């Protein structure tokens, strides 16, 4: 795994996931969020070790945490079946499950074994993909849907999970299915970007929060063009960016420009709402 990809994955493990769990406002996630460093730190260390037993064991620690997080999805479904039909809840359930996909790929890659026929290079890139195009994208889409409770908000919240699922299926059945997933995911993320810019951002007075929201929506609009061009090139045999170039542009942009800026902005929004609640 390259230094750049490792750094992106560490950001997802150590910052984006725990910060995102806080943003959900779900009290039942507080415990796993507090325990998350016990799983994420070994996982992060495993990235920098040679493939082998030690790296695999540390990656398995992270996988354990990811599975425990994913188990909250059926718990929420069983506790409130009617709520699960809401688009924002669907997006949140997707966010809870996707780190486990990344963790499975991480364990296989760190052990030096292929998984379902996928080589080590693809597995290495699957890890950041399902932290950012999976967890972060679904989480933010759900948060945007809570504020923009409109058909567009519902479309964003549902299309991101659907697009993520189609991309995952495309891994197994072919490039055209992956392209379909990329189209759906891009449409959803462009909608998230538009709603963030026009609805969420304009409702804020704090300049830093507005700047973070503006950065996240702008970067997202650009990085998804890159994702779409790569998927189209793979499916149709057209010239397209290399995976190395995609990691340095699409991957880094999504990690810093979209995911990090988004969780920082939404955390500031959450703090402002909590402050207003205490002073009311």
Foldseek 3Di string as FASTA:
>chain_A
DDPLLLVLLLLLQPPLVLLLLVLVVDPVCVVLSVCSCVLSVLQSVLVPDAQADSSLVSLVSNLVSLVVQLVVLVVVCVVDVVVCVQLLNVLQNQLSNLQNVLSVLSNCLSNLHDDLPDHNVVSSVSNSCSSQLTNLQSSLLSVLCVQVVDPLSSLLSNLSSVLVVQLVVCVNPHLVSNLVSLVSNLSSLLSSLVSLLPPVLVVDDDPLLNVLSPQQSVLSNVLSVLVNQVSCCRRVVNDHDDPVVNCVRSVVSSSVRHSVSSSVSSVVVVVVVVVVVVVD
